[in-house]
Structures are given as C-alpha cells and as structure tokens.
PDB file of N, CA and C in Angstrom:
ATOM      1  N   MET A   1       6.370  20.406  21.824  1.00  0.00           N
ATOM      2  CA  MET A   1       7.300  19.380  22.242  1.00  0.00           C
ATOM      3  C   MET A   1       8.713  19.830  21.871  1.00  0.00           C
ATOM      4  N   VAL A   2       9.695  19.266  22.561  1.00  0.00           N
ATOM      5  CA  VAL A   2      11.087  19.642  22.383  1.00  0.00           C
ATOM      6  C   VAL A   2      11.938  18.391  22.193  1.00  0.00           C
ATOM      7  N   TRP A   3      12.810  18.407  21.185  1.00  0.00           N
ATOM      8  CA  TRP A   3      13.721  17.293  20.953  1.00  0.00           C
ATOM      9  C   TRP A   3      14.906  17.414  21.903  1.00  0.00           C
ATOM     10  N   LYS A   4      15.219  16.314  22.610  1.00  0.00           N
ATOM     11  CA  LYS A   4      16.349  16.299  23.540  1.00  0.00           C
ATOM     12  C   LYS A   4      17.231  15.096  23.251  1.00  0.00           C
ATOM     13  N   LYS A   5      18.528  15.347  23.264  1.00  0.00           N
ATOM     14  CA  LYS A   5      19.481  14.254  23.075  1.00  0.00           C
ATOM     15  C   LYS A   5      19.542  13.444  24.361  1.00  0.00           C
ATOM     16  N   VAL A   6      19.411  12.101  24.218  1.00  0.00           N
ATOM     17  CA  VAL A   6      19.424  11.240  25.399  1.00  0.00           C
ATOM     18  C   VAL A   6      20.604  10.277  25.408  1.00  0.00           C
ATOM     19  N   ALA A   7      21.194  10.008  24.237  1.00  0.00           N
ATOM     20  CA  ALA A   7      22.262   9.002  24.195  1.00  0.00           C
ATOM     21  C   ALA A   7      23.091   9.179  22.934  1.00  0.00           C
ATOM     22  N   GLU A   8      24.249   8.570  22.949  1.00  0.00           N
ATOM     23  CA  GLU A   8      25.097   8.535  21.770  1.00  0.00           C
ATOM     24  C   GLU A   8      24.571   7.478  20.810  1.00  0.00           C
ATOM     25  N   LYS A   9      24.885   7.656  19.524  1.00  0.00           N
ATOM     26  CA  LYS A   9      24.486   6.654  18.534  1.00  0.00           C
ATOM     27  C   LYS A   9      25.069   5.300  18.927  1.00  0.00           C
ATOM     28  N   ASP A  10      24.348   4.252  18.634  1.00  0.00           N
ATOM     29  CA  ASP A  10      24.774   2.877  18.895  1.00  0.00           C
ATOM     30  C   ASP A  10      24.917   2.546  20.376  1.00  0.00           C
ATOM     31  N   SER A  11      24.375   3.370  21.272  1.00  0.00           N
ATOM     32  CA  SER A  11      24.464   3.069  22.702  1.00  0.00           C
ATOM     33  C   SER A  11      23.323   2.179  23.191  1.00  0.00           C
ATOM     34  N   ILE A  12      22.340   1.938  22.328  1.00  0.00           N
ATOM     35  CA  ILE A  12      21.260   0.999  22.650  1.00  0.00           C
ATOM     36  C   ILE A  12      21.395  -0.151  21.665  1.00  0.00           C
ATOM     37  N   ALA A  13      21.718  -1.326  22.165  1.00  0.00           N
ATOM     38  CA  ALA A  13      21.943  -2.485  21.303  1.00  0.00           C
ATOM     39  C   ALA A  13      20.671  -2.858  20.551  1.00  0.00           C
ATOM     40  N   VAL A  14      20.841  -3.391  19.363  1.00  0.00           N
ATOM     41  CA  VAL A  14      19.699  -3.863  18.571  1.00  0.00           C
ATOM     42  C   VAL A  14      18.967  -4.946  19.368  1.00  0.00           C
ATOM     43  N   GLY A  15      17.641  -4.822  19.426  1.00  0.00           N
ATOM     44  CA  GLY A  15      16.827  -5.796  20.143  1.00  0.00           C
ATOM     45  C   GLY A  15      16.778  -5.581  21.643  1.00  0.00           C
ATOM     46  N   LYS A  16      17.245  -4.420  22.104  1.00  0.00           N
ATOM     47  CA  LYS A  16      17.281  -4.119  23.539  1.00  0.00           C
ATOM     48  C   LYS A  16      16.653  -2.760  23.819  1.00  0.00           C
ATOM     49  N   GLY A  17      16.433  -2.492  25.094  1.00  0.00           N
ATOM     50  CA  GLY A  17      15.908  -1.208  25.526  1.00  0.00           C
ATOM     51  C   GLY A  17      16.753  -0.625  26.633  1.00  0.00           C
ATOM     52  N   ARG A  18      16.643   0.686  26.801  1.00  0.00           N
ATOM     53  CA  ARG A  18      17.306   1.394  27.900  1.00  0.00           C
ATOM     54  C   ARG A  18      16.345   2.436  28.444  1.00  0.00           C
ATOM     55  N   GLU A  19      16.433   2.653  29.735  1.00  0.00           N
ATOM     56  CA  GLU A  19      15.586   3.658  30.377  1.00  0.00           C
ATOM     57  C   GLU A  19      16.366   4.953  30.564  1.00  0.00           C
ATOM     58  N   PHE A  20      15.689   6.066  30.320  1.00  0.00           N
ATOM     59  CA  PHE A  20      16.279   7.385  30.479  1.00  0.00           C
ATOM     60  C   PHE A  20      15.354   8.264  31.298  1.00  0.00           C
ATOM     61  N   ARG A  21      15.937   9.111  32.133  1.00  0.00           N
ATOM     62  CA  ARG A  21      15.154  10.136  32.835  1.00  0.00           C
ATOM     63  C   ARG A  21      15.330  11.419  32.043  1.00  0.00           C
ATOM     64  N   ILE A  22      14.215  11.941  31.563  1.00  0.00           N
ATOM     65  CA  ILE A  22      14.224  13.172  30.785  1.00  0.00           C
ATOM     66  C   ILE A  22      13.267  14.128  31.473  1.00  0.00           C
ATOM     67  N   ASP A  23      13.843  15.168  32.048  1.00  0.00           N
ATOM     68  CA  ASP A  23      13.080  16.089  32.884  1.00  0.00           C
ATOM     69  C   ASP A  23      12.406  15.284  33.982  1.00  0.00           C
ATOM     70  N   ASP A  24      11.095  15.274  34.050  1.00  0.00           N
ATOM     71  CA  ASP A  24      10.401  14.534  35.108  1.00  0.00           C
ATOM     72  C   ASP A  24       9.815  13.216  34.618  1.00  0.00           C
ATOM     73  N   LYS A  25      10.248  12.755  33.453  1.00  0.00           N
ATOM     74  CA  LYS A  25       9.698  11.526  32.867  1.00  0.00           C
ATOM     75  C   LYS A  25      10.743  10.424  32.823  1.00  0.00           C
ATOM     76  N   LYS A  26      10.285   9.181  32.963  1.00  0.00           N
ATOM     77  CA  LYS A  26      11.123   8.013  32.726  1.00  0.00           C
ATOM     78  C   LYS A  26      10.631   7.397  31.423  1.00  0.00           C
ATOM     79  N   ILE A  27      11.523   7.334  30.443  1.00  0.00           N
ATOM     80  CA  ILE A  27      11.165   6.868  29.109  1.00  0.00           C
ATOM     81  C   ILE A  27      12.050   5.689  28.737  1.00  0.00           C
ATOM     82  N   ALA A  28      11.428   4.632  28.243  1.00  0.00           N
ATOM     83  CA  ALA A  28      12.153   3.464  27.744  1.00  0.00           C
ATOM     84  C   ALA A  28      12.287   3.623  26.234  1.00  0.00           C
ATOM     85  N   ILE A  29      13.518   3.504  25.745  1.00  0.00           N
ATOM     86  CA  ILE A  29      13.765   3.583  24.306  1.00  0.00           C
ATOM     87  C   ILE A  29      14.288   2.229  23.854  1.00  0.00           C
ATOM     88  N   PHE A  30      13.634   1.691  22.832  1.00  0.00           N
ATOM     89  CA  PHE A  30      13.975   0.378  22.290  1.00  0.00           C
ATOM     90  C   PHE A  30      14.541   0.529  20.890  1.00  0.00           C
ATOM     91  N   ASN A  31      15.540  -0.286  20.586  1.00  0.00           N
ATOM     92  CA  ASN A  31      16.146  -0.334  19.254  1.00  0.00           C
ATOM     93  C   ASN A  31      15.685  -1.621  18.586  1.00  0.00           C
ATOM     94  N   GLN A  32      14.578  -1.521  17.878  1.00  0.00           N
ATOM     95  CA  GLN A  32      13.988  -2.683  17.211  1.00  0.00           C
ATOM     96  C   GLN A  32      13.394  -2.200  15.896  1.00  0.00           C
ATOM     97  N   ASN A  33      14.124  -2.417  14.792  1.00  0.00           N
ATOM     98  CA  ASN A  33      13.683  -1.895  13.487  1.00  0.00           C
ATOM     99  C   ASN A  33      13.428  -0.393  13.582  1.00  0.00           C
ATOM    100  N   GLY A  34      14.398   0.318  14.107  1.00  0.00           N
ATOM    101  CA  GLY A  34      14.284   1.740  14.385  1.00  0.00           C
ATOM    102  C   GLY A  34      14.150   1.935  15.884  1.00  0.00           C
ATOM    103  N   TYR A  35      14.088   3.180  16.299  1.00  0.00           N
ATOM    104  CA  TYR A  35      13.976   3.489  17.727  1.00  0.00           C
ATOM    105  C   TYR A  35      12.536   3.833  18.078  1.00  0.00           C
ATOM    106  N   HIS A  36      12.107   3.341  19.252  1.00  0.00           N
ATOM    107  CA  HIS A  36      10.738   3.545  19.722  1.00  0.00           C
ATOM    108  C   HIS A  36      10.786   3.910  21.200  1.00  0.00           C
ATOM    109  N   GLY A  37      10.010   4.914  21.598  1.00  0.00           N
ATOM    110  CA  GLY A  37       9.984   5.347  22.986  1.00  0.00           C
ATOM    111  C   GLY A  37       8.597   5.245  23.585  1.00  0.00           C
ATOM    112  N   ILE A  38       8.535   4.706  24.814  1.00  0.00           N
ATOM    113  CA  ILE A  38       7.276   4.632  25.566  1.00  0.00           C
ATOM    114  C   ILE A  38       7.587   4.915  27.037  1.00  0.00           C
ATOM    115  N   ASP A  39       6.544   5.214  27.806  1.00  0.00           N
ATOM    116  CA  ASP A  39       6.734   5.367  29.251  1.00  0.00           C
ATOM    117  C   ASP A  39       7.450   4.134  29.779  1.00  0.00           C
ATOM    118  N   ALA A  40       8.371   4.338  30.706  1.00  0.00           N
ATOM    119  CA  ALA A  40       9.246   3.255  31.154  1.00  0.00           C
ATOM    120  C   ALA A  40       8.673   2.409  32.286  1.00  0.00           C
ATOM    121  N   ILE A  41       7.543   2.818  32.839  1.00  0.00           N
ATOM    122  CA  ILE A  41       7.015   2.132  34.014  1.00  0.00           C
ATOM    123  C   ILE A  41       5.704   1.417  33.680  1.00  0.00           C
ATOM    124  N   CYS A  42       5.680   0.134  33.953  1.00  0.00           N
ATOM    125  CA  CYS A  42       4.474  -0.685  33.745  1.00  0.00           C
ATOM    126  C   CYS A  42       3.377  -0.204  34.685  1.00  0.00           C
ATOM    127  N   VAL A  43       2.140  -0.225  34.218  1.00  0.00           N
ATOM    128  CA  VAL A  43       1.021   0.231  35.052  1.00  0.00           C
ATOM    129  C   VAL A  43       0.710  -0.747  36.184  1.00  0.00           C
ATOM    130  N   HIS A  44       1.258  -1.949  36.118  1.00  0.00           N
ATOM    131  CA  HIS A  44       1.033  -2.947  37.157  1.00  0.00           C
ATOM    132  C   HIS A  44       2.219  -2.967  38.111  1.00  0.00           C
ATOM    133  N   GLN A  45       2.100  -2.392  39.233  1.00  0.00           N
ATOM    134  CA  GLN A  45       3.090  -2.386  40.311  1.00  0.00           C
ATOM    135  C   GLN A  45       4.429  -1.755  39.926  1.00  0.00           C
ATOM    136  N   ASP A  46       4.403  -0.821  39.004  1.00  0.00           N
ATOM    137  CA  ASP A  46       5.549   0.037  38.705  1.00  0.00           C
ATOM    138  C   ASP A  46       6.831  -0.689  38.307  1.00  0.00           C
ATOM    139  N   GLY A  47       6.717  -1.760  37.548  1.00  0.00           N
ATOM    140  CA  GLY A  47       7.904  -2.442  37.032  1.00  0.00           C
ATOM    141  C   GLY A  47       8.561  -1.629  35.927  1.00  0.00           C
ATOM    142  N   HIS A  48       9.883  -1.692  35.839  1.00  0.00           N
ATOM    143  CA  HIS A  48      10.634  -1.018  34.790  1.00  0.00           C
ATOM    144  C   HIS A  48      10.691  -1.931  33.571  1.00  0.00           C
ATOM    145  N   ILE A  49      10.200  -1.454  32.421  1.00  0.00           N
ATOM    146  CA  ILE A  49      10.061  -2.344  31.263  1.00  0.00           C
ATOM    147  C   ILE A  49      11.261  -2.358  30.327  1.00  0.00           C
ATOM    148  N   ALA A  50      12.153  -1.379  30.414  1.00  0.00           N
ATOM    149  CA  ALA A  50      13.288  -1.318  29.483  1.00  0.00           C
ATOM    150  C   ALA A  50      14.140  -2.587  29.468  1.00  0.00           C
ATOM    151  N   PRO A  51      14.394  -3.232  30.608  1.00  0.00           N
ATOM    152  CA  PRO A  51      15.200  -4.451  30.561  1.00  0.00           C
ATOM    153  C   PRO A  51      14.404  -5.701  30.175  1.00  0.00           C
ATOM    154  N   GLY A  52      13.124  -5.528  29.844  1.00  0.00           N
ATOM    155  CA  GLY A  52      12.270  -6.673  29.531  1.00  0.00           C
ATOM    156  C   GLY A  52      12.663  -7.383  28.243  1.00  0.00           C
ATOM    157  N   LYS A  53      12.190  -8.591  28.112  1.00  0.00           N
ATOM    158  CA  LYS A  53      12.427  -9.417  26.924  1.00  0.00           C
ATOM    159  C   LYS A  53      11.653  -8.829  25.749  1.00  0.00           C
ATOM    160  N   LEU A  54      12.340  -8.634  24.640  1.00  0.00           N
ATOM    161  CA  LEU A  54      11.731  -8.031  23.458  1.00  0.00           C
ATOM    162  C   LEU A  54      11.602  -9.083  22.365  1.00  0.00           C
ATOM    163  N   GLU A  55      10.381  -9.284  21.891  1.00  0.00           N
ATOM    164  CA  GLU A  55      10.111 -10.193  20.778  1.00  0.00           C
ATOM    165  C   GLU A  55       9.293  -9.435  19.755  1.00  0.00           C
ATOM    166  N   GLY A  56       9.922  -9.122  18.631  1.00  0.00           N
ATOM    167  CA  GLY A  56       9.254  -8.299  17.627  1.00  0.00           C
ATOM    168  C   GLY A  56       8.976  -6.937  18.212  1.00  0.00           C
ATOM    169  N   ASP A  57       7.734  -6.493  18.136  1.00  0.00           N
ATOM    170  CA  ASP A  57       7.334  -5.185  18.666  1.00  0.00           C
ATOM    171  C   ASP A  57       6.793  -5.260  20.086  1.00  0.00           C
ATOM    172  N   ILE A  58       6.918  -6.412  20.737  1.00  0.00           N
ATOM    173  CA  ILE A  58       6.337  -6.618  22.061  1.00  0.00           C
ATOM    174  C   ILE A  58       7.430  -6.760  23.110  1.00  0.00           C
ATOM    175  N   VAL A  59       7.325  -5.946  24.172  1.00  0.00           N
ATOM    176  CA  VAL A  59       8.245  -6.069  25.306  1.00  0.00           C
ATOM    177  C   VAL A  59       7.468  -6.654  26.481  1.00  0.00           C
ATOM    178  N   GLU A  60       8.131  -7.545  27.202  1.00  0.00           N
ATOM    179  CA  GLU A  60       7.531  -8.184  28.365  1.00  0.00           C
ATOM    180  C   GLU A  60       8.098  -7.547  29.626  1.00  0.00           C
ATOM    181  N   CYS A  61       7.246  -7.004  30.473  1.00  0.00           N
ATOM    182  CA  CYS A  61       7.694  -6.442  31.741  1.00  0.00           C
ATOM    183  C   CYS A  61       8.303  -7.571  32.573  1.00  0.00           C
ATOM    184  N   PRO A  62       9.553  -7.411  33.034  1.00  0.00           N
ATOM    185  CA  PRO A  62      10.196  -8.494  33.762  1.00  0.00           C
ATOM    186  C   PRO A  62       9.636  -8.739  35.159  1.00  0.00           C
ATOM    187  N   LEU A  63       8.832  -7.822  35.679  1.00  0.00           N
ATOM    188  CA  LEU A  63       8.305  -7.983  37.032  1.00  0.00           C
ATOM    189  C   LEU A  63       7.159  -8.998  37.095  1.00  0.00           C
ATOM    190  N   HIS A  64       6.147  -8.824  36.241  1.00  0.00           N
ATOM    191  CA  HIS A  64       4.989  -9.731  36.273  1.00  0.00           C
ATOM    192  C   HIS A  64       4.523 -10.143  34.883  1.00  0.00           C
ATOM    193  N   PHE A  65       5.368  -9.942  33.872  1.00  0.00           N
ATOM    194  CA  PHE A  65       5.148 -10.487  32.532  1.00  0.00           C
ATOM    195  C   PHE A  65       3.972  -9.881  31.775  1.00  0.00           C
ATOM    196  N   TRP A  66       3.686  -8.607  32.002  1.00  0.00           N
ATOM    197  CA  TRP A  66       2.708  -7.908  31.175  1.00  0.00           C
ATOM    198  C   TRP A  66       3.398  -7.528  29.875  1.00  0.00           C
ATOM    199  N   HIS A  67       2.634  -7.451  28.789  1.00  0.00           N
ATOM    200  CA  HIS A  67       3.204  -7.245  27.454  1.00  0.00           C
ATOM    201  C   HIS A  67       2.683  -5.948  26.826  1.00  0.00           C
ATOM    202  N   TYR A  68       3.639  -5.153  26.299  1.00  0.00           N
ATOM    203  CA  TYR A  68       3.308  -3.883  25.666  1.00  0.00           C
ATOM    204  C   TYR A  68       3.882  -3.819  24.258  1.00  0.00           C
ATOM    205  N   ASN A  69       3.125  -3.193  23.360  1.00  0.00           N
ATOM    206  CA  ASN A  69       3.626  -2.933  22.016  1.00  0.00           C
ATOM    207  C   ASN A  69       4.499  -1.678  22.089  1.00  0.00           C
ATOM    208  N   ILE A  70       5.768  -1.786  21.658  1.00  0.00           N
ATOM    209  CA  ILE A  70       6.688  -0.659  21.781  1.00  0.00           C
ATOM    210  C   ILE A  70       6.388   0.453  20.780  1.00  0.00           C
ATOM    211  N   LYS A  71       5.613   0.175  19.750  1.00  0.00           N
ATOM    212  CA  LYS A  71       5.261   1.203  18.766  1.00  0.00           C
ATOM    213  C   LYS A  71       4.023   1.990  19.163  1.00  0.00           C
ATOM    214  N   THR A  72       3.072   1.317  19.830  1.00  0.00           N
ATOM    215  CA  THR A  72       1.807   1.965  20.170  1.00  0.00           C
ATOM    216  C   THR A  72       1.638   2.216  21.666  1.00  0.00           C
ATOM    217  N   GLY A  73       2.417   1.530  22.511  1.00  0.00           N
ATOM    218  CA  GLY A  73       2.278   1.621  23.960  1.00  0.00           C
ATOM    219  C   GLY A  73       1.147   0.783  24.514  1.00  0.00           C
ATOM    220  N   LYS A  74       0.402   0.120  23.642  1.00  0.00           N
ATOM    221  CA  LYS A  74      -0.789  -0.624  24.058  1.00  0.00           C
ATOM    222  C   LYS A  74      -0.436  -1.888  24.845  1.00  0.00           C
ATOM    223  N   LEU A  75      -1.141  -2.079  25.958  1.00  0.00           N
ATOM    224  CA  LEU A  75      -1.049  -3.307  26.733  1.00  0.00           C
ATOM    225  C   LEU A  75      -1.731  -4.414  25.942  1.00  0.00           C
ATOM    226  N   MET A  76      -1.045  -5.525  25.760  1.00  0.00           N
ATOM    227  CA  MET A  76      -1.544  -6.585  24.888  1.00  0.00           C
ATOM    228  C   MET A  76      -2.360  -7.637  25.629  1.00  0.00           C
ATOM    229  N   ASP A  77      -2.377  -7.617  26.941  1.00  0.00           N
ATOM    230  CA  ASP A  77      -3.105  -8.637  27.692  1.00  0.00           C
ATOM    231  C   ASP A  77      -3.664  -8.052  28.993  1.00  0.00           C
ATOM    232  N   TYR A  78      -4.466  -8.797  29.666  1.00  0.00           N
ATOM    233  CA  TYR A  78      -5.027  -8.523  30.994  1.00  0.00           C
ATOM    234  C   TYR A  78      -6.121  -7.468  31.018  1.00  0.00           C
ATOM    235  N   LEU A  79      -5.843  -6.232  30.599  1.00  0.00           N
ATOM    236  CA  LEU A  79      -6.832  -5.158  30.682  1.00  0.00           C
ATOM    237  C   LEU A  79      -7.015  -4.508  29.321  1.00  0.00           C
ATOM    238  N   LYS A  80      -8.245  -4.125  29.017  1.00  0.00           N
ATOM    239  CA  LYS A  80      -8.506  -3.400  27.776  1.00  0.00           C
ATOM    240  C   LYS A  80      -8.269  -1.915  28.009  1.00  0.00           C
ATOM    241  N   ASP A  81      -7.943  -1.224  26.935  1.00  0.00           N
ATOM    242  CA  ASP A  81      -7.827   0.237  26.942  1.00  0.00           C
ATOM    243  C   ASP A  81      -6.722   0.782  27.852  1.00  0.00           C
ATOM    244  N   VAL A  82      -5.652   0.011  28.048  1.00  0.00           N
ATOM    245  CA  VAL A  82      -4.489   0.514  28.787  1.00  0.00           C
ATOM    246  C   VAL A  82      -3.378   0.761  27.779  1.00  0.00           C
ATOM    247  N   THR A  83      -2.879   1.982  27.763  1.00  0.00           N
ATOM    248  CA  THR A  83      -1.833   2.359  26.815  1.00  0.00           C
ATOM    249  C   THR A  83      -0.829   3.265  27.503  1.00  0.00           C
ATOM    250  N   LEU A  84       0.453   2.944  27.360  1.00  0.00           N
ATOM    251  CA  LEU A  84       1.513   3.823  27.834  1.00  0.00           C
ATOM    252  C   LEU A  84       1.731   4.918  26.797  1.00  0.00           C
ATOM    253  N   GLN A  85       2.144   6.082  27.246  1.00  0.00           N
ATOM    254  CA  GLN A  85       2.422   7.171  26.318  1.00  0.00           C
ATOM    255  C   GLN A  85       3.611   6.794  25.444  1.00  0.00           C
ATOM    256  N   THR A  86       3.528   7.164  24.175  1.00  0.00           N
ATOM    257  CA  THR A  86       4.633   6.927  23.243  1.00  0.00           C
ATOM    258  C   THR A  86       5.338   8.247  22.947  1.00  0.00           C
ATOM    259  N   TYR A  87       6.584   8.138  22.492  1.00  0.00           N
ATOM    260  CA  TYR A  87       7.402   9.314  22.180  1.00  0.00           C
ATOM    261  C   TYR A  87       8.109   9.081  20.854  1.00  0.00           C
ATOM    262  N   LYS A  88       8.212  10.129  20.057  1.00  0.00           N
ATOM    263  CA  LYS A  88       8.970  10.043  18.815  1.00  0.00           C
ATOM    264  C   LYS A  88      10.456  10.021  19.164  1.00  0.00           C
ATOM    265  N   VAL A  89      11.195   9.142  18.477  1.00  0.00           N
ATOM    266  CA  VAL A  89      12.629   9.011  18.704  1.00  0.00           C
ATOM    267  C   VAL A  89      13.317   9.047  17.349  1.00  0.00           C
ATOM    268  N   GLU A  90      14.434   9.772  17.284  1.00  0.00           N
ATOM    269  CA  GLU A  90      15.204   9.857  16.042  1.00  0.00           C
ATOM    270  C   GLU A  90      16.677   9.578  16.311  1.00  0.00           C
ATOM    271  N   SER A  91      17.297   8.880  15.379  1.00  0.00           N
ATOM    272  CA  SER A  91      18.739   8.714  15.384  1.00  0.00           C
ATOM    273  C   SER A  91      19.307   9.763  14.441  1.00  0.00           C
ATOM    274  N   ARG A  92      20.168  10.620  14.971  1.00  0.00           N
ATOM    275  CA  ARG A  92      20.798  11.666  14.174  1.00  0.00           C
ATOM    276  C   ARG A  92      22.309  11.430  14.162  1.00  0.00           C
ATOM    277  N   ASN A  93      23.015  12.219  13.375  1.00  0.00           N
ATOM    278  CA  ASN A  93      24.462  12.047  13.263  1.00  0.00           C
ATOM    279  C   ASN A  93      25.167  12.109  14.612  1.00  0.00           C
ATOM    280  N   ASP A  94      24.681  12.950  15.518  1.00  0.00           N
ATOM    281  CA  ASP A  94      25.371  13.134  16.791  1.00  0.00           C
ATOM    282  C   ASP A  94      24.708  12.436  17.967  1.00  0.00           C
ATOM    283  N   GLY A  95      23.689  11.604  17.734  1.00  0.00           N
ATOM    284  CA  GLY A  95      23.092  10.882  18.856  1.00  0.00           C
ATOM    285  C   GLY A  95      21.649  10.496  18.638  1.00  0.00           C
ATOM    286  N   ILE A  96      21.034  10.030  19.735  1.00  0.00           N
ATOM    287  CA  ILE A  96      19.629   9.614  19.749  1.00  0.00           C
ATOM    288  C   ILE A  96      18.838  10.687  20.473  1.00  0.00           C
ATOM    289  N   TYR A  97      17.760  11.134  19.834  1.00  0.00           N
ATOM    290  CA  TYR A  97      16.932  12.207  20.362  1.00  0.00           C
ATOM    291  C   TYR A  97      15.511  11.718  20.583  1.00  0.00           C
ATOM    292  N   VAL A  98      14.864  12.270  21.616  1.00  0.00           N
ATOM    293  CA  VAL A  98      13.459  11.965  21.887  1.00  0.00           C
ATOM    294  C   VAL A  98      12.695  13.287  21.978  1.00  0.00           C
ATOM    295  N   ASP A  99      11.469  13.257  21.486  1.00  0.00           N
ATOM    296  CA  ASP A  99      10.586  14.421  21.490  1.00  0.00           C
ATOM    297  C   ASP A  99       9.725  14.358  22.745  1.00  0.00           C
ATOM    298  N   VAL A 100      10.028  15.240  23.711  1.00  0.00           N
ATOM    299  CA  VAL A 100       9.273  15.236  24.972  1.00  0.00           C
ATOM    300  C   VAL A 100       8.482  16.514  25.170  1.00  0.00           C
TER     301      VAL A 100
END
C-alpha cells in the first residue's frame, strides 16, 4: 500500500465527510474522533455516502438511508455480511494522507 496526500489539514470539518478520487478509487474520509476512510459508494444504488448524516461512528447514506460504520465499513441494517473497504487515514503536519 502507498500513502497519498488527499487534503490539507483542517479541510474536513469535525463531524463531516468528504469524498476523494484517489487513482481509480472513490474514498470517503470522515473526521469523527480522528480520520476514517471507507469506500465512498453505497452498495445500494451507488449513493455517495460522504455527505451523509454522521451520528457517532455511523454515517447514513443520503440516497436511501442505509447505515455504515465509518471505522469498520460494516452495513448496520438490511443485509448481513456487507462491508465497504476501509482505509487507514493519518493527519500529518502537511496534510491528510490515506493508505491506498
């Protein structure tokens, strides 16, 4: 895996998420008690989850209200054994990095 800078420090507001295209991946990074990265597209009809409502570690897809844990990628309702890929994210002196 390779660490890539995706944003400047403080560019993702606390309690919010932003979507980034990194190589051929769309990754949602959330700033909630640290930074957390997961695949940015909901498995149900390809909704973008980064702008979703965040409550604790759970983000709600704004398209059809599916819920994912931002730390584990696990879908919390509807289907068992559905998990989005997670990514390590670090805040460094010069920006926010993700391991892709």
